[in-house]
Amino acid sequence: MSTASDISIQVLPTAFTTAEIEIHRDFARKCVRAKRFEDLSSRYMAMKAECHRRGLRACDFQAFRNAIRLTRLATARRWNVPKCYAPAYEYYYGLPAEAALITEHDGLLNLWRRR
């Protein structure tokens, strides 16, 4: 039988601050046209180093790729992209990942239908 002291409490991560999001987006904008994994990896490592230098939290690589996709989507389609089309929606706005994947899929499907 487990007691209350045996149960560990999982602390949910807090949302990124505005300064952290700006650094992630700045480095993601520089990777919009990168095709090779090495380019993305080197820019991600540079972003991590810059976040560490400023004392901010760096995102993980998958979230960095999502920020790049968000930037590509915003620059390739139109000036005002609704938040529901953003692949990094759950990362930046704190929604559950499953709901964001459905939102991403629906948004990309709608963009494909418009062609």
N, C-alpha and C. Protein backbone atom coordinates (compact mmCIF):
# COMPACT_ATOMS: atom_id res chain seq x y z
N MET A 1 0.84 -1.17 0.00
CA MET A 1 0.00 0.00 0.00
C MET A 1 0.89 1.24 0.00
N SER A 2 0.58 2.17 -0.83
CA SER A 2 1.41 3.38 -0.91
C SER A 2 0.86 4.46 0.00
N THR A 3 1.76 5.21 0.53
CA THR A 3 1.37 6.34 1.38
C THR A 3 1.50 7.63 0.60
N ALA A 4 1.09 8.70 1.21
CA ALA A 4 1.13 10.00 0.54
C ALA A 4 2.57 10.43 0.25
N SER A 5 3.51 9.99 1.07
CA SER A 5 4.90 10.38 0.85
C SER A 5 5.53 9.63 -0.32
N ASP A 6 4.95 8.48 -0.70
CA ASP A 6 5.48 7.71 -1.82
C ASP A 6 5.09 8.28 -3.18
N ILE A 7 4.02 9.04 -3.21
CA ILE A 7 3.52 9.56 -4.48
C ILE A 7 4.27 10.84 -4.83
N SER A 8 4.87 10.83 -5.98
CA SER A 8 5.59 12.04 -6.41
C SER A 8 4.64 12.95 -7.18
N ILE A 9 4.78 14.22 -6.98
CA ILE A 9 3.93 15.20 -7.65
C ILE A 9 4.66 15.69 -8.89
N GLN A 10 3.98 15.59 -10.02
CA GLN A 10 4.58 16.03 -11.27
C GLN A 10 4.27 17.52 -11.45
N VAL A 11 5.32 18.31 -11.56
CA VAL A 11 5.16 19.74 -11.73
C VAL A 11 5.07 20.04 -13.22
N LEU A 12 4.01 20.71 -13.62
CA LEU A 12 3.85 21.05 -15.03
C LEU A 12 4.79 22.19 -15.40
N PRO A 13 5.36 22.15 -16.59
CA PRO A 13 6.27 23.22 -16.99
C PRO A 13 5.50 24.53 -17.19
N THR A 14 6.15 25.61 -16.83
CA THR A 14 5.51 26.91 -17.03
C THR A 14 5.72 27.36 -18.46
N ALA A 15 4.87 28.23 -18.92
CA ALA A 15 4.98 28.75 -20.28
C ALA A 15 6.24 29.60 -20.40
N PHE A 16 6.75 29.68 -21.60
CA PHE A 16 7.94 30.49 -21.84
C PHE A 16 7.60 31.97 -21.72
N THR A 17 8.59 32.75 -21.29
CA THR A 17 8.40 34.19 -21.19
C THR A 17 8.49 34.81 -22.58
N THR A 18 8.16 36.07 -22.68
CA THR A 18 8.20 36.76 -23.97
C THR A 18 9.62 36.83 -24.50
N ALA A 19 10.58 37.06 -23.63
CA ALA A 19 11.98 37.13 -24.07
C ALA A 19 12.44 35.79 -24.63
N GLU A 20 12.06 34.70 -23.98
CA GLU A 20 12.44 33.37 -24.46
C GLU A 20 11.80 33.07 -25.81
N ILE A 21 10.53 33.41 -25.96
CA ILE A 21 9.85 33.17 -27.23
C ILE A 21 10.48 33.99 -28.34
N GLU A 22 10.86 35.22 -28.04
CA GLU A 22 11.49 36.08 -29.06
C GLU A 22 12.81 35.49 -29.54
N ILE A 23 13.62 34.97 -28.62
CA ILE A 23 14.89 34.35 -29.03
C ILE A 23 14.62 33.13 -29.89
N HIS A 24 13.67 32.30 -29.49
CA HIS A 24 13.34 31.10 -30.27
C HIS A 24 12.88 31.50 -31.67
N ARG A 25 12.03 32.52 -31.77
CA ARG A 25 11.53 32.95 -33.08
C ARG A 25 12.61 33.60 -33.92
N ASP A 26 13.49 34.38 -33.28
CA ASP A 26 14.57 35.02 -34.05
C ASP A 26 15.46 33.98 -34.71
N PHE A 27 15.84 32.97 -33.95
CA PHE A 27 16.69 31.92 -34.53
C PHE A 27 15.92 31.06 -35.52
N ALA A 28 14.62 30.90 -35.30
CA ALA A 28 13.81 30.12 -36.24
C ALA A 28 13.68 30.85 -37.57
N ARG A 29 13.57 32.18 -37.54
CA ARG A 29 13.46 32.95 -38.78
C ARG A 29 14.70 32.78 -39.65
N LYS A 30 15.85 32.62 -39.02
CA LYS A 30 17.09 32.45 -39.77
C LYS A 30 17.18 31.08 -40.42
N CYS A 31 16.34 30.14 -40.00
CA CYS A 31 16.37 28.77 -40.53
C CYS A 31 15.27 28.49 -41.53
N VAL A 32 14.53 29.49 -41.95
CA VAL A 32 13.36 29.26 -42.80
C VAL A 32 13.74 28.54 -44.09
N ARG A 33 14.84 28.90 -44.70
CA ARG A 33 15.22 28.30 -45.97
C ARG A 33 16.24 27.17 -45.84
N ALA A 34 16.56 26.79 -44.62
CA ALA A 34 17.53 25.72 -44.41
C ALA A 34 16.93 24.38 -44.83
N LYS A 35 17.67 23.63 -45.60
CA LYS A 35 17.18 22.33 -46.09
C LYS A 35 17.85 21.15 -45.39
N ARG A 36 19.08 21.35 -44.94
CA ARG A 36 19.82 20.23 -44.37
C ARG A 36 19.66 20.19 -42.85
N PHE A 37 19.76 18.99 -42.30
CA PHE A 37 19.65 18.81 -40.86
C PHE A 37 20.80 19.50 -40.14
N GLU A 38 21.98 19.52 -40.75
CA GLU A 38 23.15 20.12 -40.12
C GLU A 38 22.93 21.61 -39.88
N ASP A 39 22.26 22.28 -40.84
CA ASP A 39 21.98 23.71 -40.67
C ASP A 39 21.04 23.94 -39.49
N LEU A 40 19.99 23.14 -39.43
CA LEU A 40 19.04 23.28 -38.33
C LEU A 40 19.70 22.97 -36.99
N SER A 41 20.51 21.93 -36.98
CA SER A 41 21.18 21.53 -35.75
C SER A 41 22.14 22.61 -35.26
N SER A 42 22.91 23.18 -36.17
CA SER A 42 23.87 24.21 -35.76
C SER A 42 23.15 25.47 -35.27
N ARG A 43 22.04 25.85 -35.91
CA ARG A 43 21.28 27.02 -35.46
C ARG A 43 20.62 26.74 -34.10
N TYR A 44 20.19 25.50 -33.89
CA TYR A 44 19.59 25.14 -32.61
C TYR A 44 20.64 25.22 -31.50
N MET A 45 21.84 24.73 -31.77
CA MET A 45 22.90 24.79 -30.77
C MET A 45 23.28 26.25 -30.48
N ALA A 46 23.28 27.09 -31.51
CA ALA A 46 23.56 28.52 -31.30
C ALA A 46 22.47 29.17 -30.45
N MET A 47 21.22 28.78 -30.70
CA MET A 47 20.11 29.32 -29.92
C MET A 47 20.22 28.88 -28.46
N LYS A 48 20.59 27.62 -28.23
CA LYS A 48 20.77 27.14 -26.86
C LYS A 48 21.88 27.90 -26.15
N ALA A 49 22.97 28.15 -26.87
CA ALA A 49 24.08 28.89 -26.27
C ALA A 49 23.67 30.32 -25.94
N GLU A 50 22.91 30.94 -26.83
CA GLU A 50 22.45 32.32 -26.58
C GLU A 50 21.49 32.37 -25.40
N CYS A 51 20.60 31.41 -25.30
CA CYS A 51 19.69 31.35 -24.15
C CYS A 51 20.46 31.15 -22.85
N HIS A 52 21.46 30.28 -22.89
CA HIS A 52 22.28 30.04 -21.70
C HIS A 52 23.05 31.30 -21.31
N ARG A 53 23.56 32.01 -22.32
CA ARG A 53 24.32 33.24 -22.06
C ARG A 53 23.43 34.30 -21.40
N ARG A 54 22.17 34.37 -21.81
CA ARG A 54 21.25 35.37 -21.27
C ARG A 54 20.53 34.88 -20.01
N GLY A 55 20.71 33.63 -19.65
CA GLY A 55 20.06 33.09 -18.47
C GLY A 55 18.60 32.74 -18.68
N LEU A 56 18.25 32.40 -19.92
CA LEU A 56 16.87 32.03 -20.26
C LEU A 56 16.80 30.55 -20.57
N ARG A 57 15.57 30.02 -20.60
CA ARG A 57 15.38 28.61 -20.92
C ARG A 57 15.35 28.41 -22.43
N ALA A 58 16.01 27.38 -22.90
CA ALA A 58 15.96 27.03 -24.32
C ALA A 58 14.88 25.98 -24.52
N CYS A 59 14.27 26.00 -25.71
CA CYS A 59 13.26 24.99 -26.02
C CYS A 59 13.96 23.72 -26.51
N ASP A 60 13.23 22.63 -26.60
CA ASP A 60 13.83 21.41 -27.15
C ASP A 60 13.83 21.48 -28.68
N PHE A 61 14.49 20.52 -29.31
CA PHE A 61 14.69 20.57 -30.76
C PHE A 61 13.36 20.47 -31.51
N GLN A 62 12.44 19.65 -31.03
CA GLN A 62 11.16 19.51 -31.72
C GLN A 62 10.37 20.82 -31.66
N ALA A 63 10.40 21.50 -30.54
CA ALA A 63 9.72 22.79 -30.44
C ALA A 63 10.39 23.82 -31.34
N PHE A 64 11.72 23.74 -31.47
CA PHE A 64 12.44 24.64 -32.37
C PHE A 64 12.02 24.40 -33.82
N ARG A 65 11.89 23.13 -34.20
CA ARG A 65 11.41 22.81 -35.57
C ARG A 65 9.99 23.31 -35.77
N ASN A 66 9.15 23.20 -34.74
CA ASN A 66 7.79 23.72 -34.85
C ASN A 66 7.78 25.24 -35.02
N ALA A 67 8.69 25.92 -34.34
CA ALA A 67 8.79 27.37 -34.51
C ALA A 67 9.22 27.72 -35.93
N ILE A 68 10.10 26.90 -36.52
CA ILE A 68 10.51 27.11 -37.91
C ILE A 68 9.32 26.89 -38.83
N ARG A 69 8.55 25.84 -38.58
CA ARG A 69 7.35 25.59 -39.40
C ARG A 69 6.36 26.74 -39.27
N LEU A 70 6.20 27.26 -38.08
CA LEU A 70 5.31 28.39 -37.87
C LEU A 70 5.78 29.59 -38.67
N THR A 71 7.08 29.84 -38.67
CA THR A 71 7.62 30.95 -39.43
C THR A 71 7.44 30.73 -40.92
N ARG A 72 7.70 29.52 -41.39
CA ARG A 72 7.51 29.23 -42.81
C ARG A 72 6.06 29.42 -43.22
N LEU A 73 5.15 28.97 -42.39
CA LEU A 73 3.73 29.08 -42.69
C LEU A 73 3.30 30.54 -42.74
N ALA A 74 3.80 31.33 -41.82
CA ALA A 74 3.42 32.75 -41.77
C ALA A 74 3.99 33.53 -42.94
N THR A 75 5.22 33.21 -43.36
CA THR A 75 5.83 33.98 -44.45
C THR A 75 5.39 33.49 -45.81
N ALA A 76 5.02 32.23 -45.93
CA ALA A 76 4.69 31.69 -47.25
C ALA A 76 3.24 31.96 -47.63
N ARG A 77 2.35 32.05 -46.68
CA ARG A 77 0.93 32.12 -47.02
C ARG A 77 0.39 33.54 -47.05
N ARG A 78 0.32 34.17 -45.92
CA ARG A 78 -0.24 35.52 -45.86
C ARG A 78 0.28 36.22 -44.62
N TRP A 79 -0.05 37.47 -44.49
CA TRP A 79 0.51 38.28 -43.42
C TRP A 79 -0.07 37.93 -42.06
N ASN A 80 -1.37 37.73 -41.99
CA ASN A 80 -2.03 37.41 -40.72
C ASN A 80 -2.46 35.95 -40.72
N VAL A 81 -1.70 35.11 -40.07
CA VAL A 81 -2.06 33.70 -39.97
C VAL A 81 -2.79 33.51 -38.64
N PRO A 82 -4.00 32.99 -38.67
CA PRO A 82 -4.70 32.75 -37.40
C PRO A 82 -3.92 31.76 -36.54
N LYS A 83 -4.05 31.90 -35.25
CA LYS A 83 -3.30 31.04 -34.33
C LYS A 83 -3.67 29.58 -34.48
N CYS A 84 -4.87 29.28 -34.97
CA CYS A 84 -5.27 27.88 -35.08
C CYS A 84 -4.49 27.16 -36.18
N TYR A 85 -3.83 27.89 -37.09
CA TYR A 85 -3.05 27.26 -38.15
C TYR A 85 -1.59 27.06 -37.74
N ALA A 86 -1.22 27.53 -36.58
CA ALA A 86 0.18 27.51 -36.18
C ALA A 86 0.59 26.13 -35.69
N PRO A 87 1.63 25.52 -36.30
CA PRO A 87 2.10 24.22 -35.83
C PRO A 87 2.64 24.26 -34.40
N ALA A 88 3.15 25.38 -33.96
CA ALA A 88 3.70 25.47 -32.61
C ALA A 88 2.68 26.02 -31.62
N TYR A 89 1.42 25.89 -31.92
CA TYR A 89 0.34 26.48 -31.13
C TYR A 89 0.39 26.03 -29.67
N GLU A 90 0.49 24.74 -29.44
CA GLU A 90 0.47 24.24 -28.06
C GLU A 90 1.73 24.65 -27.32
N TYR A 91 2.82 24.83 -28.04
CA TYR A 91 4.08 25.16 -27.40
C TYR A 91 4.06 26.60 -26.89
N TYR A 92 3.57 27.50 -27.70
CA TYR A 92 3.60 28.90 -27.33
C TYR A 92 2.39 29.34 -26.51
N TYR A 93 1.26 28.67 -26.67
CA TYR A 93 0.06 29.12 -26.00
C TYR A 93 -0.43 28.18 -24.91
N GLY A 94 0.28 27.10 -24.65
CA GLY A 94 0.01 26.26 -23.51
C GLY A 94 -1.17 25.31 -23.63
N LEU A 95 -1.56 24.95 -24.84
CA LEU A 95 -2.64 23.97 -25.00
C LEU A 95 -2.06 22.56 -24.99
N PRO A 96 -2.87 21.55 -24.74
CA PRO A 96 -2.37 20.17 -24.77
C PRO A 96 -1.86 19.80 -26.16
N ALA A 97 -0.86 18.96 -26.21
CA ALA A 97 -0.22 18.61 -27.47
C ALA A 97 -1.17 17.90 -28.43
N GLU A 98 -2.04 17.05 -27.91
CA GLU A 98 -2.95 16.31 -28.80
C GLU A 98 -3.90 17.27 -29.52
N ALA A 99 -4.44 18.22 -28.80
CA ALA A 99 -5.35 19.18 -29.41
C ALA A 99 -4.63 20.02 -30.45
N ALA A 100 -3.37 20.34 -30.18
CA ALA A 100 -2.61 21.15 -31.13
C ALA A 100 -2.29 20.36 -32.39
N LEU A 101 -2.03 19.06 -32.26
CA LEU A 101 -1.77 18.26 -33.45
C LEU A 101 -3.00 18.20 -34.34
N ILE A 102 -4.16 18.07 -33.72
CA ILE A 102 -5.40 18.08 -34.50
C ILE A 102 -5.58 19.44 -35.17
N THR A 103 -5.30 20.51 -34.43
CA THR A 103 -5.42 21.86 -34.98
C THR A 103 -4.45 22.05 -36.12
N GLU A 104 -3.20 21.57 -35.94
CA GLU A 104 -2.20 21.69 -37.00
C GLU A 104 -2.66 20.94 -38.24
N HIS A 105 -3.14 19.72 -38.05
CA HIS A 105 -3.57 18.92 -39.19
C HIS A 105 -4.73 19.60 -39.92
N ASP A 106 -5.71 20.09 -39.18
CA ASP A 106 -6.85 20.77 -39.79
C ASP A 106 -6.43 22.03 -40.52
N GLY A 107 -5.52 22.78 -39.91
CA GLY A 107 -5.06 24.02 -40.54
C GLY A 107 -4.31 23.75 -41.82
N LEU A 108 -3.42 22.77 -41.81
CA LEU A 108 -2.67 22.45 -43.02
C LEU A 108 -3.58 21.86 -44.08
N LEU A 109 -4.59 21.10 -43.67
CA LEU A 109 -5.54 20.55 -44.62
C LEU A 109 -6.34 21.67 -45.28
N ASN A 110 -6.74 22.66 -44.50
CA ASN A 110 -7.46 23.81 -45.07
C ASN A 110 -6.58 24.59 -46.03
N LEU A 111 -5.30 24.74 -45.70
CA LEU A 111 -4.39 25.44 -46.61
C LEU A 111 -4.22 24.66 -47.90
N TRP A 112 -4.17 23.34 -47.81
CA TRP A 112 -4.01 22.51 -49.01
C TRP A 112 -5.24 22.62 -49.89
N ARG A 113 -6.43 22.68 -49.29
CA ARG A 113 -7.67 22.76 -50.07
C ARG A 113 -7.79 24.08 -50.82
N ARG A 114 -7.17 25.14 -50.32
CA ARG A 114 -7.28 26.45 -50.95
C ARG A 114 -6.48 26.56 -52.23
N ARG A 115 -5.54 25.66 -52.47
CA ARG A 115 -4.69 25.77 -53.66
C ARG A 115 -5.43 25.64 -54.92
